Amino acid sequence: MKLLNKQLQSLTRNTGGKRYIPFVDGIRFMAIIPVVLLHATERFERYVVTPSSNFETELSYVISRGAIGVMIFFTLSGFILSLPFAKQYSRFSYKKYLSKRLTRLEPPYILWMTIFGLIFFFKQNIGLSELLNHYAASIFYVHNISYGEFSIINPVAWSLEVEIQYYLFAPFLAMCYFRQNKVALRRTLLLAFTLVFIVVQHQFGWQYLPTKASILGQLQHFMVGLLMADFYVNEPKWHKEKNRLWDLIGFAAVLTLMFTWTEELGKSVIFMVAMLALFASALKGKLIHQILTYRWIAVIGGMCYTIYLTHLPLLELLYSLIARFGYSSPYWVQLTISLIIAIPIVLISSMIFYKYTEQPFMSKDVATKIKQQLTDKWMLLKGRLITKLD
């Protein structure tokens, strides 16, 4: 037991000195697992067998609703990025804010995109120049904008591009929001703005690709996160009192999200309300909060960035191998067996990748070292430019 606890502790996400909030990693788990199941099922249907009966088609459809995990991630980002401003921190450095991103999240991203880019080059019939263009667009988070489609190297990176777009202006939005001291007024204005934005979004067709893969297609989810950060920080008595009624609301919210994830205006509004209900239930629900803060769930959720970056190429490999064995069982039996094989492999691999490619960059010492190296290189480059100009 002590050994297990030690292992769990070693995998727990490093918050860089900030207070660890377990349910946040629990929500990350809630978001990442449906996405992995969705992509595993898509690969199963691509490489092994497609659904043929009505039951199989319905089962495939239900699993495809796992895409809502991406919108949960967007909402969670809105929540996390707003927390410091909800606590009314008086000092804010945009430079430090950006450098944290560069030292914490960029190294694993660049590493995996480089590895997958090399694999893609040797596996696919693509010219080096063309691949480098796609690689550069992906690394600088402009692939969706430049090509009007997801990255060919790692398609899941589309949502990271949306995250970056919000990340760049999130502090200014949060500061503007929390500058309004009348709590009821600012919350009402935020809800009104979000509703109006959804209407405008549908008026201009931003809910469709390629604009869908941008902040214009997803902003409402981040706004829900901003509102919930306000409630979390400024209404502690409200969310400390847990209630089983909120568990029912939370489970109903998940079902509502699954079946209102469409491009229709009315359903988009309902989707936003359901997302609010889901996050409120994560704070207020007795059972849901217990589940989200369960140690293993929080640990796996804390590794979601690595899981998200690596799971799709790994699933491509796994299901291309599984396809070689053929199939003789019904669709749902074969799918279940494949998931029992694939999901543990993805999670165990992600634990290893997380331990050695992401977790090291959570350390303040490593971050400081990287920051210093970047500063030194910049000063060196700046000196050379000045010399040439002289």
Protein backbone atom coordinates (compact mmCIF):
# COMPACT_ATOMS: atom_id res chain seq x y z
CA MET A 1 0.00 0.00 0.00
CA LYS A 2 2.83 2.39 0.87
CA LEU A 3 4.51 1.60 -2.45
CA LEU A 4 1.26 2.28 -4.33
CA ASN A 5 0.75 5.57 -2.52
CA LYS A 6 4.31 6.53 -3.32
CA GLN A 7 3.77 5.78 -7.01
CA LEU A 8 0.55 7.78 -7.01
CA GLN A 9 2.30 10.67 -5.32
CA SER A 10 5.08 10.59 -7.90
CA LEU A 11 2.51 10.84 -10.71
CA THR A 12 0.42 13.59 -9.12
CA ARG A 13 0.58 16.75 -11.18
CA ASN A 14 2.99 19.42 -9.98
CA THR A 15 1.12 22.73 -9.69
CA GLY A 16 4.25 24.86 -9.45
CA GLY A 17 3.66 25.86 -5.85
CA LYS A 18 -0.04 26.66 -6.27
CA ARG A 19 -2.75 24.88 -4.28
CA TYR A 20 -3.66 21.54 -5.80
CA ILE A 21 -7.38 21.20 -6.62
CA PRO A 22 -8.14 17.46 -7.11
CA PHE A 23 -11.56 17.85 -8.72
CA VAL A 24 -9.96 19.86 -11.56
CA ASP A 25 -7.91 16.80 -12.53
CA GLY A 26 -11.07 14.74 -12.07
CA ILE A 27 -12.80 16.88 -14.69
CA ARG A 28 -9.77 16.39 -16.92
CA PHE A 29 -10.33 12.63 -16.57
CA MET A 30 -14.01 13.11 -17.42
CA ALA A 31 -12.96 14.97 -20.57
CA ILE A 32 -10.08 12.82 -21.83
CA ILE A 33 -11.53 9.30 -21.46
CA PRO A 34 -14.55 9.88 -23.77
CA VAL A 35 -12.20 11.37 -26.38
CA VAL A 36 -9.91 8.32 -26.22
CA LEU A 37 -12.92 5.97 -26.49
CA LEU A 38 -14.20 7.94 -29.48
CA HIS A 39 -10.88 7.79 -31.34
CA ALA A 40 -10.39 4.12 -30.48
CA THR A 41 -13.83 3.29 -31.90
CA GLU A 42 -13.16 5.32 -35.04
CA ARG A 43 -9.92 3.38 -35.60
CA PHE A 44 -11.70 0.10 -34.93
CA GLU A 45 -14.30 0.92 -37.58
CA ARG A 46 -11.60 2.07 -40.00
CA TYR A 47 -9.30 -0.93 -39.67
CA VAL A 48 -11.44 -3.82 -38.40
CA VAL A 49 -15.18 -3.71 -39.06
CA THR A 50 -17.94 -1.13 -39.48
CA PRO A 51 -21.34 -1.36 -37.76
CA SER A 52 -24.02 -3.11 -39.78
CA SER A 53 -27.12 -3.48 -37.58
CA ASN A 54 -29.23 -0.72 -36.04
CA PHE A 55 -27.93 -1.58 -32.57
CA GLU A 56 -24.31 -1.36 -33.72
CA THR A 57 -24.96 1.96 -35.44
CA GLU A 58 -26.59 3.39 -32.32
CA LEU A 59 -23.73 2.14 -30.15
CA SER A 60 -21.22 3.78 -32.47
CA TYR A 61 -23.23 7.01 -32.37
CA VAL A 62 -23.32 7.09 -28.55
CA ILE A 63 -19.55 6.59 -28.36
CA SER A 64 -19.06 9.33 -30.96
CA ARG A 65 -20.62 11.74 -28.46
CA GLY A 66 -17.33 11.48 -26.59
CA ALA A 67 -16.31 14.53 -28.62
CA ILE A 68 -17.99 16.63 -25.91
CA GLY A 69 -14.82 15.98 -23.91
CA VAL A 70 -13.09 18.64 -26.03
CA MET A 71 -15.71 21.24 -25.07
CA ILE A 72 -15.31 20.21 -21.42
CA PHE A 73 -11.58 20.92 -21.82
CA PHE A 74 -12.37 24.37 -23.23
CA THR A 75 -14.66 25.14 -20.29
CA LEU A 76 -12.05 23.89 -17.83
CA SER A 77 -9.43 26.14 -19.44
CA GLY A 78 -11.75 29.10 -19.02
CA PHE A 79 -12.13 28.11 -15.36
CA ILE A 80 -8.42 27.61 -14.62
CA LEU A 81 -7.16 30.71 -16.43
CA SER A 82 -9.72 32.88 -14.63
CA LEU A 83 -8.99 31.67 -11.09
CA PRO A 84 -6.08 34.06 -10.34
CA PHE A 85 -8.19 37.03 -11.38
CA ALA A 86 -11.24 35.80 -9.48
CA LYS A 87 -8.99 35.85 -6.40
CA GLN A 88 -8.26 39.48 -7.33
CA TYR A 89 -4.51 39.24 -7.59
CA SER A 90 -3.29 42.81 -7.91
CA ARG A 91 -0.03 41.98 -9.67
CA PHE A 92 0.00 40.41 -13.10
CA SER A 93 2.85 40.03 -15.57
CA TYR A 94 1.84 39.07 -19.11
CA LYS A 95 5.48 38.22 -19.81
CA LYS A 96 5.58 35.70 -16.93
CA TYR A 97 2.19 34.39 -18.00
CA LEU A 98 3.49 33.61 -21.50
CA SER A 99 6.84 32.27 -20.28
CA LYS A 100 5.00 29.76 -18.10
CA ARG A 101 3.34 28.43 -21.23
CA LEU A 102 6.66 28.30 -23.09
CA THR A 103 8.47 26.42 -20.32
CA ARG A 104 5.66 24.18 -19.14
CA LEU A 105 3.59 23.12 -22.17
CA GLU A 106 5.64 23.84 -25.27
CA PRO A 107 8.55 21.37 -24.78
CA PRO A 108 6.30 18.23 -24.68
CA TYR A 109 4.23 19.57 -27.57
CA ILE A 110 7.25 20.28 -29.78
CA LEU A 111 8.80 16.92 -28.86
CA TRP A 112 5.74 14.85 -29.80
CA MET A 113 4.90 16.83 -32.91
CA THR A 114 8.50 16.34 -34.08
CA ILE A 115 8.39 12.59 -33.42
CA PHE A 116 5.03 12.17 -35.13
CA GLY A 117 6.16 14.39 -38.01
CA LEU A 118 9.15 12.12 -38.64
CA ILE A 119 6.94 9.02 -38.47
CA PHE A 120 4.47 10.62 -40.88
CA PHE A 121 7.29 11.49 -43.29
CA PHE A 122 8.60 7.92 -43.48
CA LYS A 123 5.16 6.33 -43.51
CA GLN A 124 3.35 8.58 -45.99
CA ASN A 125 4.24 9.59 -49.52
CA ILE A 126 4.78 13.29 -48.83
CA GLY A 127 7.52 15.69 -49.87
CA LEU A 128 9.85 17.07 -47.23
CA SER A 129 9.04 20.69 -48.11
CA GLU A 130 5.30 20.10 -47.83
CA LEU A 131 5.71 18.26 -44.53
CA LEU A 132 7.86 21.07 -43.10
CA ASN A 133 5.16 23.59 -44.01
CA HIS A 134 2.55 21.54 -42.17
CA TYR A 135 4.96 21.00 -39.28
CA ALA A 136 5.71 24.72 -38.92
CA ALA A 137 2.00 25.59 -39.09
CA SER A 138 1.27 23.00 -36.40
CA ILE A 139 4.11 24.07 -34.11
CA PHE A 140 3.01 27.70 -34.25
CA TYR A 141 -0.68 26.82 -33.82
CA VAL A 142 -1.84 28.23 -37.16
CA HIS A 143 -2.57 25.04 -39.09
CA ASN A 144 -6.37 25.41 -38.84
CA ILE A 145 -6.10 28.99 -40.09
CA SER A 146 -3.47 28.35 -42.78
CA TYR A 147 -4.91 25.17 -44.28
CA GLY A 148 -8.55 25.25 -43.22
CA GLU A 149 -8.20 21.73 -41.83
CA PHE A 150 -6.76 19.80 -38.90
CA SER A 151 -3.04 19.11 -38.70
CA ILE A 152 -2.03 16.14 -40.85
CA ILE A 153 0.68 15.28 -38.31
CA ASN A 154 -1.62 15.00 -35.29
CA PRO A 155 -5.25 16.03 -35.95
CA VAL A 156 -6.12 16.45 -32.25
CA ALA A 157 -3.85 19.52 -32.18
CA TRP A 158 -6.76 21.52 -33.64
CA SER A 159 -8.19 22.06 -30.17
CA LEU A 160 -4.81 23.18 -28.82
CA GLU A 161 -4.82 25.92 -31.46
CA VAL A 162 -8.19 27.10 -30.12
CA GLU A 163 -6.80 26.94 -26.57
CA ILE A 164 -3.85 29.13 -27.57
CA GLN A 165 -6.13 31.71 -29.20
CA TYR A 166 -8.08 32.02 -25.95
CA TYR A 167 -4.92 31.86 -23.86
CA LEU A 168 -3.53 35.01 -25.46
CA PHE A 169 -6.39 37.29 -24.43
CA ALA A 170 -7.85 35.37 -21.43
CA PRO A 171 -6.11 37.52 -18.76
CA PHE A 172 -7.47 40.77 -20.21
CA LEU A 173 -10.98 39.32 -20.49
CA ALA A 174 -10.85 38.06 -16.89
CA MET A 175 -9.48 41.35 -15.56
CA CYS A 176 -12.22 43.24 -17.35
CA TYR A 177 -14.88 40.89 -15.99
CA PHE A 178 -13.76 40.94 -12.36
CA ARG A 179 -13.21 44.69 -12.42
CA GLN A 180 -16.98 44.98 -12.19
CA ASN A 181 -17.60 44.81 -8.43
CA LYS A 182 -21.36 44.32 -8.68
CA VAL A 183 -21.45 40.53 -8.68
CA ALA A 184 -25.00 40.03 -9.98
CA LEU A 185 -24.46 42.57 -12.76
CA ARG A 186 -21.21 41.09 -14.05
CA ARG A 187 -22.67 37.56 -14.07
CA THR A 188 -25.80 38.72 -15.86
CA LEU A 189 -23.72 40.60 -18.43
CA LEU A 190 -21.51 37.55 -19.02
CA LEU A 191 -24.51 35.27 -19.57
CA ALA A 192 -26.11 37.84 -21.87
CA PHE A 193 -22.88 38.25 -23.83
CA THR A 194 -22.53 34.46 -24.20
CA LEU A 195 -26.10 34.09 -25.46
CA VAL A 196 -25.69 36.96 -27.92
CA PHE A 197 -22.37 35.52 -29.08
CA ILE A 198 -24.00 32.13 -29.82
CA VAL A 199 -26.69 33.88 -31.87
CA VAL A 200 -24.07 35.91 -33.79
CA GLN A 201 -21.98 32.75 -34.21
CA HIS A 202 -24.87 30.99 -35.92
CA GLN A 203 -25.81 34.07 -37.92
CA PHE A 204 -22.37 34.10 -39.57
CA GLY A 205 -21.93 30.32 -39.69
CA TRP A 206 -18.93 30.21 -37.37
CA GLN A 207 -20.16 26.91 -35.92
CA TYR A 208 -19.11 25.16 -39.14
CA LEU A 209 -15.62 24.21 -40.26
CA PRO A 210 -13.14 25.74 -40.77
CA THR A 211 -14.20 28.57 -38.40
CA LYS A 212 -15.49 25.98 -35.93
CA ALA A 213 -11.84 25.09 -35.25
CA SER A 214 -11.14 28.60 -33.95
CA ILE A 215 -12.07 30.73 -30.96
CA LEU A 216 -15.02 32.11 -32.97
CA GLY A 217 -16.51 28.64 -33.01
CA GLN A 218 -15.84 27.79 -29.37
CA LEU A 219 -15.73 30.97 -27.24
CA GLN A 220 -18.97 30.23 -25.36
CA HIS A 221 -17.40 27.22 -23.62
CA PHE A 222 -14.58 29.32 -22.19
CA MET A 223 -17.14 31.86 -20.98
CA VAL A 224 -18.89 29.16 -18.96
CA GLY A 225 -15.55 28.37 -17.32
CA LEU A 226 -15.03 32.05 -16.48
CA LEU A 227 -18.43 32.19 -14.79
CA MET A 228 -17.78 29.02 -12.79
CA ALA A 229 -14.43 30.40 -11.60
CA ASP A 230 -16.37 33.35 -10.21
CA PHE A 231 -18.71 31.01 -8.31
CA TYR A 232 -15.87 28.80 -7.08
CA VAL A 233 -13.87 31.66 -5.58
CA ASN A 234 -16.62 34.00 -4.45
CA GLU A 235 -19.33 31.56 -3.33
CA PRO A 236 -17.42 29.12 -1.06
CA LYS A 237 -20.39 28.46 1.24
CA TRP A 238 -22.54 27.55 -1.73
CA HIS A 239 -20.27 24.86 -3.17
CA LYS A 240 -19.01 23.48 0.16
CA GLU A 241 -22.50 22.17 0.91
CA LYS A 242 -22.79 19.02 -1.20
CA ASN A 243 -26.18 17.69 -2.27
CA ARG A 244 -27.22 14.46 -4.02
CA LEU A 245 -29.76 16.40 -6.07
CA TRP A 246 -26.80 17.96 -7.87
CA ASP A 247 -25.56 14.45 -8.68
CA LEU A 248 -28.79 13.85 -10.60
CA ILE A 249 -28.42 17.23 -12.29
CA GLY A 250 -24.84 16.36 -13.26
CA PHE A 251 -25.73 13.00 -14.81
CA ALA A 252 -28.64 14.63 -16.66
CA ALA A 253 -26.25 17.34 -17.86
CA VAL A 254 -23.89 14.74 -19.37
CA LEU A 255 -26.76 13.12 -21.31
CA THR A 256 -27.96 16.54 -22.45
CA LEU A 257 -24.48 17.46 -23.67
CA MET A 258 -24.23 14.20 -25.58
CA PHE A 259 -27.42 14.77 -27.52
CA THR A 260 -27.35 18.55 -28.02
CA TRP A 261 -23.84 18.68 -29.51
CA THR A 262 -24.89 19.90 -32.95
CA GLU A 263 -24.69 23.04 -35.08
CA GLU A 264 -28.32 24.05 -34.38
CA LEU A 265 -28.87 27.34 -32.57
CA GLY A 266 -31.40 26.10 -30.00
CA LYS A 267 -29.36 23.05 -29.10
CA SER A 268 -26.21 25.16 -28.81
CA VAL A 269 -27.92 27.28 -26.14
CA ILE A 270 -29.11 24.15 -24.32
CA PHE A 271 -25.56 22.76 -24.59
CA MET A 272 -24.21 25.87 -22.85
CA VAL A 273 -26.77 25.55 -20.04
CA ALA A 274 -25.94 21.85 -19.65
CA MET A 275 -22.23 22.68 -19.43
CA LEU A 276 -23.00 25.15 -16.65
CA ALA A 277 -24.99 22.45 -14.86
CA LEU A 278 -22.18 19.91 -15.26
CA PHE A 279 -19.55 22.18 -13.72
CA ALA A 280 -21.93 23.25 -10.96
CA SER A 281 -22.56 19.59 -10.15
CA ALA A 282 -18.79 19.00 -10.00
CA LEU A 283 -18.76 21.59 -7.20
CA LYS A 284 -22.07 20.77 -5.50
CA GLY A 285 -22.72 17.07 -6.20
CA LYS A 286 -21.86 14.74 -3.34
CA LEU A 287 -21.17 11.57 -5.37
CA ILE A 288 -19.80 13.37 -8.42
CA HIS A 289 -17.33 15.34 -6.31
CA GLN A 290 -16.21 12.13 -4.58
CA ILE A 291 -15.68 10.41 -7.94
CA LEU A 292 -13.77 13.34 -9.41
CA THR A 293 -11.45 13.54 -6.41
CA TYR A 294 -10.77 9.80 -6.25
CA ARG A 295 -6.98 9.42 -6.27
CA TRP A 296 -6.53 7.32 -9.41
CA ILE A 297 -9.04 9.38 -11.38
CA ALA A 298 -7.30 12.62 -10.42
CA VAL A 299 -3.87 11.13 -11.26
CA ILE A 300 -4.97 9.97 -14.72
CA GLY A 301 -6.72 13.30 -15.29
CA GLY A 302 -3.51 15.09 -14.38
CA MET A 303 -1.78 13.30 -17.27
CA CYS A 304 -4.41 14.38 -19.79
CA TYR A 305 -2.06 16.62 -21.78
CA THR A 306 0.28 13.72 -22.53
CA ILE A 307 -2.65 11.37 -23.16
CA TYR A 308 -4.17 13.90 -25.54
CA LEU A 309 -0.95 14.45 -27.47
CA THR A 310 -0.02 10.77 -27.86
CA HIS A 311 -3.19 8.66 -27.88
CA LEU A 312 -4.27 9.09 -31.51
CA PRO A 313 -1.03 7.97 -33.23
CA LEU A 314 -0.76 5.13 -30.71
CA LEU A 315 -4.32 4.00 -31.47
CA GLU A 316 -3.55 4.12 -35.19
CA LEU A 317 -0.68 1.71 -34.60
CA LEU A 318 -2.64 -0.58 -32.26
CA TYR A 319 -5.69 -0.95 -34.49
CA SER A 320 -3.63 -1.47 -37.63
CA LEU A 321 -2.09 -4.43 -35.77
CA ILE A 322 -5.41 -5.68 -34.40
CA ALA A 323 -6.82 -5.66 -37.94
CA ARG A 324 -4.29 -8.31 -38.96
CA PHE A 325 -6.01 -10.86 -36.75
CA GLY A 326 -9.32 -10.41 -38.54
CA TYR A 327 -12.64 -10.79 -36.73
CA SER A 328 -15.24 -13.48 -36.17
CA SER A 329 -17.34 -12.06 -33.32
CA PRO A 330 -20.18 -9.53 -33.54
CA TYR A 331 -19.23 -5.85 -33.80
CA TRP A 332 -19.90 -4.97 -30.17
CA VAL A 333 -18.03 -8.03 -28.83
CA GLN A 334 -15.00 -7.35 -30.99
CA LEU A 335 -15.10 -3.64 -30.12
CA THR A 336 -15.24 -4.42 -26.40
CA ILE A 337 -12.30 -6.80 -26.64
CA SER A 338 -10.27 -4.26 -28.61
CA LEU A 339 -10.99 -1.53 -26.06
CA ILE A 340 -9.97 -3.82 -23.20
CA ILE A 341 -6.65 -4.26 -25.00
CA ALA A 342 -6.13 -0.72 -26.32
CA ILE A 343 -7.19 1.54 -23.44
CA PRO A 344 -4.80 0.07 -20.82
CA ILE A 345 -1.94 0.24 -23.35
CA VAL A 346 -2.72 3.90 -24.03
CA LEU A 347 -2.92 4.74 -20.32
CA ILE A 348 0.21 2.82 -19.30
CA SER A 349 2.18 4.28 -22.21
CA SER A 350 0.93 7.74 -21.29
CA MET A 351 2.06 7.28 -17.69
CA ILE A 352 5.57 6.53 -18.94
CA PHE A 353 5.54 9.38 -21.46
CA TYR A 354 4.13 11.75 -18.84
CA LYS A 355 6.81 10.78 -16.32
CA TYR A 356 9.68 11.49 -18.70
CA THR A 357 8.41 14.02 -21.26
CA GLU A 358 5.94 16.26 -19.40
CA GLN A 359 6.39 16.03 -15.64
CA PRO A 360 10.02 17.26 -15.67
CA PHE A 361 8.87 20.58 -17.15
CA MET A 362 6.46 21.14 -14.24
CA SER A 363 9.40 21.75 -11.92
CA LYS A 364 10.16 25.38 -11.14
CA ASP A 365 13.88 24.68 -11.38
CA VAL A 366 13.55 23.22 -14.87
CA ALA A 367 11.28 26.06 -15.94
CA THR A 368 13.75 28.64 -14.63
CA LYS A 369 16.61 26.89 -16.41
CA ILE A 370 14.73 26.80 -19.72
CA LYS A 371 13.73 30.43 -19.31
CA GLN A 372 17.35 31.41 -18.68
CA GLN A 373 18.53 29.46 -21.75
CA LEU A 374 15.92 31.16 -23.92
CA THR A 375 16.92 34.57 -22.51
CA ASP A 376 20.62 33.88 -23.15
CA LYS A 377 19.93 32.80 -26.74
CA TRP A 378 17.79 35.87 -27.32
CA MET A 379 20.48 38.19 -25.94
CA LEU A 380 23.07 36.46 -28.12
CA LEU A 381 20.90 36.84 -31.22
CA LYS A 382 20.14 40.45 -30.31
CA GLY A 383 23.86 41.17 -29.93
CA ARG A 384 24.63 39.69 -33.35
CA LEU A 385 21.87 41.74 -34.99
CA ILE A 386 23.18 44.95 -33.39
CA THR A 387 26.73 44.10 -34.57
CA LYS A 388 25.52 43.59 -38.14
CA LEU A 389 23.57 46.83 -38.10
CA ASP A 390 26.64 48.70 -36.84
